[in-house]
């Protein structure tokens, strides 16, 4: 869990870091959405090449970026297994009792695994190249139309950003508490599921207490700085779209167009 990269910012001098946060948020939404329309491995290969190119330009170390996948490896593997064993259509590869594996199930599992990996890495790129303040402003801008129906866009954006920002802090706190409990003889590794669940109690209780204490300290700090929501609030740095941002949107449009061509060709010529 300590390898999670959500909420962490990696400072660097790159075009991706200099982009407007609103444009980065729009680009990642387009990227994630188009992944769900890709059905062949040629499209996934092109999407992976595009993502690796963005990582290279951002100057974020790939090892630092992909280490967050270890925390959700179980979810990726579990999703792949569900697609393998619960896809009855297609040619049967092998069958043992009530378990039947088809070629279509294997293809769906591979597609889903690739989709999840690129989705998570792309989302991590957004977090690693955008400061929490910029992220709050971008989310608030995206929710701004909902203000007309009474949705507190600023408060929602602030809560989401604070939650993401404190994930690494709480994980570090959990690591400290776990090491302190292990020094006192606690065992978190041996035993069955029930024993492991019981051993988590002395870990979760102080973690919850620490979380509430941090939340109270943050609330007091915000009140001391006269924070009253978005009413009459101004910004020291106003967001502005620049040529770099419009160029990124143009590149994103080209990426979507190429993927659509690949999908069309796969349907015409039948290549995987």
C-alpha atoms as a PDB file:
ATOM      1  CA  UNK A   1       0.000   0.000   0.000  1.00  0.00           C
ATOM      2  CA  UNK A   2       2.918   2.367   0.553  1.00  0.00           C
ATOM      3  CA  UNK A   3       3.630   2.195  -3.190  1.00  0.00           C
ATOM      4  CA  UNK A   4       0.405   4.025  -4.061  1.00  0.00           C
ATOM      5  CA  UNK A   5       1.099   7.174  -6.106  1.00  0.00           C
ATOM      6  CA  UNK A   6      -2.353   8.750  -5.732  1.00  0.00           C
ATOM      7  CA  UNK A   7      -2.124  12.259  -4.331  1.00  0.00           C
ATOM      8  CA  UNK A   8       1.626  12.596  -4.881  1.00  0.00           C
ATOM      9  CA  UNK A   9       3.164  15.331  -7.029  1.00  0.00           C
ATOM     10  CA  UNK A  10       6.472  14.875  -8.846  1.00  0.00           C
ATOM     11  CA  UNK A  11       8.075  18.280  -9.570  1.00  0.00           C
ATOM     12  CA  UNK A  12       9.835  18.574 -12.921  1.00  0.00           C
ATOM     13  CA  UNK A  13      10.341  21.002 -15.782  1.00  0.00           C
ATOM     14  CA  UNK A  14       8.387  19.504 -18.667  1.00  0.00           C
ATOM     15  CA  UNK A  15       5.675  20.533 -21.155  1.00  0.00           C
ATOM     16  CA  UNK A  16       3.190  18.268 -19.359  1.00  0.00           C
ATOM     17  CA  UNK A  17       3.817  20.045 -16.042  1.00  0.00           C
ATOM     18  CA  UNK A  18       3.394  23.461 -17.710  1.00  0.00           C
ATOM     19  CA  UNK A  19       0.036  22.571 -19.254  1.00  0.00           C
ATOM     20  CA  UNK A  20      -3.151  24.042 -17.856  1.00  0.00           C
ATOM     21  CA  UNK A  21      -4.712  21.682 -15.312  1.00  0.00           C
ATOM     22  CA  UNK A  22      -8.098  21.951 -17.033  1.00  0.00           C
ATOM     23  CA  UNK A  23      -6.623  20.773 -20.312  1.00  0.00           C
ATOM     24  CA  UNK A  24      -4.823  17.886 -18.601  1.00  0.00           C
ATOM     25  CA  UNK A  25      -8.067  16.838 -16.934  1.00  0.00           C
ATOM     26  CA  UNK A  26      -9.902  17.010 -20.275  1.00  0.00           C
ATOM     27  CA  UNK A  27      -7.181  15.000 -22.027  1.00  0.00           C
ATOM     28  CA  UNK A  28      -7.205  12.236 -19.409  1.00  0.00           C
ATOM     29  CA  UNK A  29     -11.014  12.034 -19.598  1.00  0.00           C
ATOM     30  CA  UNK A  30     -10.779  11.655 -23.391  1.00  0.00           C
ATOM     31  CA  UNK A  31      -8.022   9.049 -23.039  1.00  0.00           C
ATOM     32  CA  UNK A  32      -9.947   6.976 -20.493  1.00  0.00           C
ATOM     33  CA  UNK A  33     -13.186   7.211 -22.489  1.00  0.00           C
ATOM     34  CA  UNK A  34     -11.592   6.133 -25.776  1.00  0.00           C
ATOM     35  CA  UNK A  35     -10.003   3.108 -24.071  1.00  0.00           C
ATOM     36  CA  UNK A  36     -13.476   1.634 -23.551  1.00  0.00           C
ATOM     37  CA  UNK A  37     -14.103   1.753 -27.322  1.00  0.00           C
ATOM     38  CA  UNK A  38     -10.895  -0.043 -28.280  1.00  0.00           C
ATOM     39  CA  UNK A  39     -11.516  -3.689 -29.144  1.00  0.00           C
ATOM     40  CA  UNK A  40      -8.325  -4.920 -30.794  1.00  0.00           C
ATOM     41  CA  UNK A  41      -4.722  -5.273 -29.690  1.00  0.00           C
ATOM     42  CA  UNK A  42      -3.414  -3.011 -32.433  1.00  0.00           C
ATOM     43  CA  UNK A  43      -5.406  -0.177 -30.865  1.00  0.00           C
ATOM     44  CA  UNK A  44      -4.123  -1.027 -27.393  1.00  0.00           C
ATOM     45  CA  UNK A  45      -0.552  -1.104 -28.709  1.00  0.00           C
ATOM     46  CA  UNK A  46      -0.967   2.361 -30.210  1.00  0.00           C
ATOM     47  CA  UNK A  47      -2.565   3.665 -26.984  1.00  0.00           C
ATOM     48  CA  UNK A  48       0.318   2.223 -24.940  1.00  0.00           C
ATOM     49  CA  UNK A  49       2.859   3.824 -27.302  1.00  0.00           C
ATOM     50  CA  UNK A  50       1.093   7.167 -26.947  1.00  0.00           C
ATOM     51  CA  UNK A  51       1.034   6.849 -23.151  1.00  0.00           C
ATOM     52  CA  UNK A  52       4.740   5.948 -22.988  1.00  0.00           C
ATOM     53  CA  UNK A  53       5.523   8.970 -25.156  1.00  0.00           C
ATOM     54  CA  UNK A  54       3.674  11.252 -22.733  1.00  0.00           C
ATOM     55  CA  UNK A  55       5.539   9.684 -19.799  1.00  0.00           C
ATOM     56  CA  UNK A  56       8.842  10.296 -21.585  1.00  0.00           C
ATOM     57  CA  UNK A  57       7.964  13.941 -22.245  1.00  0.00           C
ATOM     58  CA  UNK A  58       6.805  14.487 -18.643  1.00  0.00           C
ATOM     59  CA  UNK A  59      10.219  13.406 -17.256  1.00  0.00           C
ATOM     60  CA  UNK A  60       8.472  11.339 -14.573  1.00  0.00           C
ATOM     61  CA  UNK A  61      10.548   8.181 -13.847  1.00  0.00           C
ATOM     62  CA  UNK A  62       8.619   5.151 -15.174  1.00  0.00           C
ATOM     63  CA  UNK A  63       9.608   3.044 -12.143  1.00  0.00           C
ATOM     64  CA  UNK A  64       8.141   5.717  -9.884  1.00  0.00           C
ATOM     65  CA  UNK A  65       5.007   5.800 -12.011  1.00  0.00           C
ATOM     66  CA  UNK A  66       4.362   2.068 -12.351  1.00  0.00           C
ATOM     67  CA  UNK A  67       5.064   1.178  -8.734  1.00  0.00           C
ATOM     68  CA  UNK A  68       1.479   2.148  -7.940  1.00  0.00           C
ATOM     69  CA  UNK A  69       0.301  -0.867  -9.939  1.00  0.00           C
ATOM     70  CA  UNK A  70       1.529  -3.243  -7.232  1.00  0.00           C
ATOM     71  CA  UNK A  71      -1.165  -2.026  -4.853  1.00  0.00           C
ATOM     72  CA  UNK A  72      -4.000  -2.870  -7.270  1.00  0.00           C
ATOM     73  CA  UNK A  73      -2.425  -5.953  -8.858  1.00  0.00           C
ATOM     74  CA  UNK A  74      -5.000  -8.157  -7.123  1.00  0.00           C
ATOM     75  CA  UNK A  75      -7.869  -6.196  -8.729  1.00  0.00           C
ATOM     76  CA  UNK A  76      -6.320  -6.550 -12.192  1.00  0.00           C
ATOM     77  CA  UNK A  77      -5.757 -10.294 -11.770  1.00  0.00           C
ATOM     78  CA  UNK A  78      -9.222 -10.832 -10.255  1.00  0.00           C
ATOM     79  CA  UNK A  79     -10.901  -8.963 -13.124  1.00  0.00           C
ATOM     80  CA  UNK A  80      -8.945 -10.996 -15.670  1.00  0.00           C
ATOM     81  CA  UNK A  81      -9.985 -14.270 -14.014  1.00  0.00           C
ATOM     82  CA  UNK A  82     -13.629 -13.212 -14.045  1.00  0.00           C
ATOM     83  CA  UNK A  83     -13.453 -12.611 -17.783  1.00  0.00           C
ATOM     84  CA  UNK A  84     -11.660 -15.933 -18.390  1.00  0.00           C
ATOM     85  CA  UNK A  85     -14.049 -18.177 -16.492  1.00  0.00           C
ATOM     86  CA  UNK A  86     -17.335 -16.312 -17.051  1.00  0.00           C
ATOM     87  CA  UNK A  87     -17.244 -15.894 -20.833  1.00  0.00           C
ATOM     88  CA  UNK A  88     -19.126 -18.932 -22.182  1.00  0.00           C
ATOM     89  CA  UNK A  89     -19.047 -17.886 -25.852  1.00  0.00           C
ATOM     90  CA  UNK A  90     -16.201 -18.655 -28.246  1.00  0.00           C
ATOM     91  CA  UNK A  91     -14.142 -21.734 -29.051  1.00  0.00           C
ATOM     92  CA  UNK A  92     -13.356 -23.949 -26.048  1.00  0.00           C
ATOM     93  CA  UNK A  93      -9.645 -24.003 -25.213  1.00  0.00           C
ATOM     94  CA  UNK A  94      -9.940 -26.495 -22.366  1.00  0.00           C
ATOM     95  CA  UNK A  95     -12.655 -27.676 -19.986  1.00  0.00           C
ATOM     96  CA  UNK A  96     -12.337 -29.274 -16.560  1.00  0.00           C
ATOM     97  CA  UNK A  97     -15.609 -30.154 -14.865  1.00  0.00           C
ATOM     98  CA  UNK A  98     -17.802 -27.063 -14.706  1.00  0.00           C
ATOM     99  CA  UNK A  99     -14.871 -24.775 -15.587  1.00  0.00           C
ATOM    100  CA  UNK A 100     -14.701 -23.899 -19.273  1.00  0.00           C
ATOM    101  CA  UNK A 101     -12.158 -21.543 -20.794  1.00  0.00           C
ATOM    102  CA  UNK A 102     -12.768 -20.138 -24.264  1.00  0.00           C
ATOM    103  CA  UNK A 103     -10.544 -18.173 -26.608  1.00  0.00           C
ATOM    104  CA  UNK A 104     -12.919 -15.211 -26.367  1.00  0.00           C
ATOM    105  CA  UNK A 105     -12.625 -15.313 -22.577  1.00  0.00           C
ATOM    106  CA  UNK A 106      -8.833 -15.163 -22.799  1.00  0.00           C
ATOM    107  CA  UNK A 107      -9.030 -12.243 -25.241  1.00  0.00           C
ATOM    108  CA  UNK A 108     -11.475 -10.371 -23.004  1.00  0.00           C
ATOM    109  CA  UNK A 109      -9.225 -10.940 -19.982  1.00  0.00           C
ATOM    110  CA  UNK A 110      -6.192  -9.580 -21.846  1.00  0.00           C
ATOM    111  CA  UNK A 111      -8.179  -6.572 -23.071  1.00  0.00           C
ATOM    112  CA  UNK A 112      -9.496  -5.786 -19.605  1.00  0.00           C
ATOM    113  CA  UNK A 113      -6.057  -6.100 -17.987  1.00  0.00           C
ATOM    114  CA  UNK A 114      -4.470  -3.780 -20.567  1.00  0.00           C
ATOM    115  CA  UNK A 115      -7.334  -1.318 -20.205  1.00  0.00           C
ATOM    116  CA  UNK A 116      -7.041  -1.186 -16.416  1.00  0.00           C
ATOM    117  CA  UNK A 117      -3.259  -0.774 -16.490  1.00  0.00           C
ATOM    118  CA  UNK A 118      -3.398   2.120 -18.968  1.00  0.00           C
ATOM    119  CA  UNK A 119      -6.313   3.690 -17.130  1.00  0.00           C
ATOM    120  CA  UNK A 120      -4.441   3.655 -13.816  1.00  0.00           C
ATOM    121  CA  UNK A 121      -1.140   4.823 -15.317  1.00  0.00           C
ATOM    122  CA  UNK A 122      -2.883   7.636 -17.179  1.00  0.00           C
ATOM    123  CA  UNK A 123      -4.675   8.774 -14.023  1.00  0.00           C
ATOM    124  CA  UNK A 124      -1.402   8.619 -12.099  1.00  0.00           C
ATOM    125  CA  UNK A 125       0.188  10.853 -14.755  1.00  0.00           C
ATOM    126  CA  UNK A 126      -2.454  13.477 -14.064  1.00  0.00           C
ATOM    127  CA  UNK A 127      -1.787  13.406 -10.325  1.00  0.00           C
ATOM    128  CA  UNK A 128       2.004  13.323 -10.601  1.00  0.00           C
ATOM    129  CA  UNK A 129       2.180  16.325 -12.944  1.00  0.00           C
ATOM    130  CA  UNK A 130      -0.485  18.523 -11.306  1.00  0.00           C
ATOM    131  CA  UNK A 131      -0.280  20.275  -7.942  1.00  0.00           C
ATOM    132  CA  UNK A 132      -3.233  19.917  -5.522  1.00  0.00           C
ATOM    133  CA  UNK A 133      -4.142  23.600  -5.944  1.00  0.00           C
ATOM    134  CA  UNK A 134      -4.248  23.287  -9.737  1.00  0.00           C
ATOM    135  CA  UNK A 135      -6.254  20.072  -9.442  1.00  0.00           C
ATOM    136  CA  UNK A 136      -8.815  21.789  -7.218  1.00  0.00           C
ATOM    137  CA  UNK A 137      -9.186  24.643  -9.696  1.00  0.00           C
ATOM    138  CA  UNK A 138      -9.590  22.236 -12.628  1.00  0.00           C
ATOM    139  CA  UNK A 139     -12.230  20.101 -10.899  1.00  0.00           C
ATOM    140  CA  UNK A 140     -14.091  23.208  -9.766  1.00  0.00           C
ATOM    141  CA  UNK A 141     -14.077  24.555 -13.323  1.00  0.00           C
ATOM    142  CA  UNK A 142     -15.492  21.270 -14.596  1.00  0.00           C
ATOM    143  CA  UNK A 143     -18.269  21.300 -11.997  1.00  0.00           C
ATOM    144  CA  UNK A 144     -19.020  25.001 -12.472  1.00  0.00           C
ATOM    145  CA  UNK A 145     -22.122  24.474 -14.687  1.00  0.00           C
ATOM    146  CA  UNK A 146     -23.707  22.451 -11.862  1.00  0.00           C
ATOM    147  CA  UNK A 147     -23.732  25.531  -9.626  1.00  0.00           C
ATOM    148  CA  UNK A 148     -26.875  26.681 -11.426  1.00  0.00           C
ATOM    149  CA  UNK A 149     -28.809  23.778  -9.873  1.00  0.00           C
ATOM    150  CA  UNK A 150     -27.356  24.294  -6.394  1.00  0.00           C
ATOM    151  CA  UNK A 151     -24.413  21.872  -6.493  1.00  0.00           C
ATOM    152  CA  UNK A 152     -21.518  23.189  -4.301  1.00  0.00           C
ATOM    153  CA  UNK A 153     -18.823  22.794  -6.952  1.00  0.00           C
ATOM    154  CA  UNK A 154     -16.052  24.484  -4.979  1.00  0.00           C
ATOM    155  CA  UNK A 155     -16.663  22.454  -1.821  1.00  0.00           C
ATOM    156  CA  UNK A 156     -16.816  19.175  -3.756  1.00  0.00           C
ATOM    157  CA  UNK A 157     -13.572  19.983  -5.586  1.00  0.00           C
ATOM    158  CA  UNK A 158     -11.887  20.938  -2.305  1.00  0.00           C
ATOM    159  CA  UNK A 159     -12.988  17.719  -0.581  1.00  0.00           C
ATOM    160  CA  UNK A 160     -11.839  15.536  -3.477  1.00  0.00           C
ATOM    161  CA  UNK A 161      -8.438  17.210  -3.604  1.00  0.00           C
ATOM    162  CA  UNK A 162      -7.923  17.023   0.170  1.00  0.00           C
ATOM    163  CA  UNK A 163      -8.899  13.344   0.165  1.00  0.00           C
ATOM    164  CA  UNK A 164      -6.414  12.537  -2.618  1.00  0.00           C
ATOM    165  CA  UNK A 165      -3.711  14.672  -1.010  1.00  0.00           C
ATOM    166  CA  UNK A 166      -3.958  12.896   2.361  1.00  0.00           C
ATOM    167  CA  UNK A 167      -3.825   9.345   1.005  1.00  0.00           C
ATOM    168  CA  UNK A 168       0.028   9.253   1.016  1.00  0.00           C
ATOM    169  CA  UNK A 169       0.081  10.930   4.441  1.00  0.00           C
ATOM    170  CA  UNK A 170      -2.263   8.348   5.943  1.00  0.00           C
ATOM    171  CA  UNK A 171      -0.291   5.505   4.374  1.00  0.00           C
ATOM    172  CA  UNK A 172       2.914   6.811   5.944  1.00  0.00           C
ATOM    173  CA  UNK A 173       1.095   7.103   9.272  1.00  0.00           C
ATOM    174  CA  UNK A 174      -0.142   3.521   8.911  1.00  0.00           C
ATOM    175  CA  UNK A 175       3.412   2.331   8.262  1.00  0.00           C
ATOM    176  CA  UNK A 176       4.669   4.060  11.418  1.00  0.00           C
ATOM    177  CA  UNK A 177       1.860   2.583  13.521  1.00  0.00           C
ATOM    178  CA  UNK A 178       2.445  -0.891  12.072  1.00  0.00           C
ATOM    179  CA  UNK A 179       6.165  -0.764  12.863  1.00  0.00           C
ATOM    180  CA  UNK A 180       5.419   0.459  16.388  1.00  0.00           C
ATOM    181  CA  UNK A 181       2.934  -2.392  16.928  1.00  0.00           C
ATOM    182  CA  UNK A 182       5.382  -4.938  15.512  1.00  0.00           C
ATOM    183  CA  UNK A 183       8.037  -3.663  17.931  1.00  0.00           C
ATOM    184  CA  UNK A 184       5.557  -4.469  20.722  1.00  0.00           C
ATOM    185  CA  UNK A 185       5.054  -8.029  19.468  1.00  0.00           C
ATOM    186  CA  UNK A 186       2.126  -7.640  17.077  1.00  0.00           C
ATOM    187  CA  UNK A 187       1.972 -10.135  14.191  1.00  0.00           C
ATOM    188  CA  UNK A 188       0.299  -9.080  10.931  1.00  0.00           C
ATOM    189  CA  UNK A 189       1.586 -11.837   8.621  1.00  0.00           C
ATOM    190  CA  UNK A 190       0.841 -15.262  10.079  1.00  0.00           C
ATOM    191  CA  UNK A 191      -2.475 -17.011  10.656  1.00  0.00           C
ATOM    192  CA  UNK A 192      -5.697 -17.292   8.683  1.00  0.00           C
ATOM    193  CA  UNK A 193      -7.997 -14.592   7.386  1.00  0.00           C
ATOM    194  CA  UNK A 194      -9.878 -14.214  10.696  1.00  0.00           C
ATOM    195  CA  UNK A 195      -6.664 -13.906  12.701  1.00  0.00           C
ATOM    196  CA  UNK A 196      -5.235 -11.365  10.270  1.00  0.00           C
ATOM    197  CA  UNK A 197      -8.471  -9.363  10.446  1.00  0.00           C
ATOM    198  CA  UNK A 198      -8.320  -9.330  14.242  1.00  0.00           C
ATOM    199  CA  UNK A 199      -4.671  -8.280  14.166  1.00  0.00           C
ATOM    200  CA  UNK A 200      -5.667  -5.189  12.159  1.00  0.00           C
ATOM    201  CA  UNK A 201      -7.729  -3.787  15.042  1.00  0.00           C
ATOM    202  CA  UNK A 202      -4.730  -2.345  16.964  1.00  0.00           C
ATOM    203  CA  UNK A 203      -3.669  -0.785  13.643  1.00  0.00           C
ATOM    204  CA  UNK A 204      -6.982   0.727  12.542  1.00  0.00           C
ATOM    205  CA  UNK A 205      -7.976   2.322  15.855  1.00  0.00           C
ATOM    206  CA  UNK A 206      -4.925   4.627  16.175  1.00  0.00           C
ATOM    207  CA  UNK A 207      -5.103   5.299  12.412  1.00  0.00           C
ATOM    208  CA  UNK A 208      -8.692   6.553  12.737  1.00  0.00           C
ATOM    209  CA  UNK A 209      -7.757   8.673  15.741  1.00  0.00           C
ATOM    210  CA  UNK A 210      -4.830  10.161  13.825  1.00  0.00           C
ATOM    211  CA  UNK A 211      -7.071  10.853  10.811  1.00  0.00           C
ATOM    212  CA  UNK A 212      -9.629  12.730  12.925  1.00  0.00           C
ATOM    213  CA  UNK A 213      -6.851  14.709  14.591  1.00  0.00           C
ATOM    214  CA  UNK A 214      -5.395  15.716  11.226  1.00  0.00           C
ATOM    215  CA  UNK A 215      -8.843  16.671   9.957  1.00  0.00           C
ATOM    216  CA  UNK A 216      -9.424  18.904  12.987  1.00  0.00           C
ATOM    217  CA  UNK A 217      -6.011  20.546  12.582  1.00  0.00           C
ATOM    218  CA  UNK A 218      -6.715  21.190   8.909  1.00  0.00           C
ATOM    219  CA  UNK A 219     -10.116  22.694   9.686  1.00  0.00           C
ATOM    220  CA  UNK A 220      -8.595  25.019  12.309  1.00  0.00           C
ATOM    221  CA  UNK A 221      -5.856  26.050   9.873  1.00  0.00           C
ATOM    222  CA  UNK A 222      -8.421  26.862   7.170  1.00  0.00           C
ATOM    223  CA  UNK A 223     -10.558  28.877   9.606  1.00  0.00           C
ATOM    224  CA  UNK A 224      -7.482  30.767  10.820  1.00  0.00           C
ATOM    225  CA  UNK A 225      -6.885  31.803   7.209  1.00  0.00           C
ATOM    226  CA  UNK A 226     -10.494  33.034   6.920  1.00  0.00           C
ATOM    227  CA  UNK A 227     -11.584  30.322   4.518  1.00  0.00           C
ATOM    228  CA  UNK A 228     -15.310  30.670   3.789  1.00  0.00           C
ATOM    229  CA  UNK A 229     -15.778  28.673   0.611  1.00  0.00           C
ATOM    230  CA  UNK A 230     -15.932  30.248  -2.840  1.00  0.00           C
ATOM    231  CA  UNK A 231     -18.056  33.266  -1.859  1.00  0.00           C
ATOM    232  CA  UNK A 232     -16.041  36.331  -2.841  1.00  0.00           C
ATOM    233  CA  UNK A 233     -12.953  34.208  -3.322  1.00  0.00           C
ATOM    234  CA  UNK A 234     -10.255  35.337  -5.775  1.00  0.00           C
ATOM    235  CA  UNK A 235      -7.158  33.613  -7.117  1.00  0.00           C
ATOM    236  CA  UNK A 236      -3.582  34.837  -7.082  1.00  0.00           C
ATOM    237  CA  UNK A 237      -2.817  32.903 -10.268  1.00  0.00           C
ATOM    238  CA  UNK A 238      -5.570  32.817 -12.866  1.00  0.00           C
ATOM    239  CA  UNK A 239      -5.706  29.869 -15.235  1.00  0.00           C
ATOM    240  CA  UNK A 240      -5.072  30.723 -18.870  1.00  0.00           C
ATOM    241  CA  UNK A 241      -5.073  28.556 -21.953  1.00  0.00           C
ATOM    242  CA  UNK A 242      -1.872  28.890 -23.947  1.00  0.00           C
ATOM    243  CA  UNK A 243      -0.587  27.640 -27.277  1.00  0.00           C
ATOM    244  CA  UNK A 244       0.833  24.570 -25.519  1.00  0.00           C
ATOM    245  CA  UNK A 245      -2.629  23.596 -24.276  1.00  0.00           C
ATOM    246  CA  UNK A 246      -4.288  23.977 -27.674  1.00  0.00           C
ATOM    247  CA  UNK A 247      -1.452  21.970 -29.205  1.00  0.00           C
ATOM    248  CA  UNK A 248      -2.044  19.192 -26.657  1.00  0.00           C
ATOM    249  CA  UNK A 249      -5.756  19.174 -27.526  1.00  0.00           C
ATOM    250  CA  UNK A 250      -4.879  18.933 -31.224  1.00  0.00           C
ATOM    251  CA  UNK A 251      -2.542  16.000 -30.517  1.00  0.00           C
ATOM    252  CA  UNK A 252      -5.282  14.328 -28.479  1.00  0.00           C
ATOM    253  CA  UNK A 253      -7.689  14.747 -31.391  1.00  0.00           C
ATOM    254  CA  UNK A 254      -5.143  13.129 -33.707  1.00  0.00           C
ATOM    255  CA  UNK A 255      -4.724  10.258 -31.248  1.00  0.00           C
ATOM    256  CA  UNK A 256      -8.472   9.625 -31.221  1.00  0.00           C
ATOM    257  CA  UNK A 257      -8.636   9.828 -35.025  1.00  0.00           C
ATOM    258  CA  UNK A 258      -5.845   7.266 -35.470  1.00  0.00           C
ATOM    259  CA  UNK A 259      -7.530   4.902 -33.000  1.00  0.00           C
ATOM    260  CA  UNK A 260     -10.794   5.194 -34.935  1.00  0.00           C
ATOM    261  CA  UNK A 261      -8.946   4.349 -38.168  1.00  0.00           C
ATOM    262  CA  UNK A 262      -7.330   1.319 -36.500  1.00  0.00           C
ATOM    263  CA  UNK A 263     -10.728   0.144 -35.255  1.00  0.00           C
ATOM    264  CA  UNK A 264     -12.204   0.566 -38.736  1.00  0.00           C
ATOM    265  CA  UNK A 265      -9.355  -1.340 -40.383  1.00  0.00           C
ATOM    266  CA  UNK A 266      -9.646  -4.134 -37.822  1.00  0.00           C
ATOM    267  CA  UNK A 267     -13.304  -4.515 -38.727  1.00  0.00           C
ATOM    268  CA  UNK A 268     -12.599  -4.497 -42.477  1.00  0.00           C
ATOM    269  CA  UNK A 269      -9.531  -6.738 -42.581  1.00  0.00           C
ATOM    270  CA  UNK A 270     -10.173  -8.711 -39.397  1.00  0.00           C
ATOM    271  CA  UNK A 271      -6.709  -8.373 -37.833  1.00  0.00           C
ATOM    272  CA  UNK A 272      -6.406  -8.599 -34.047  1.00  0.00           C
END
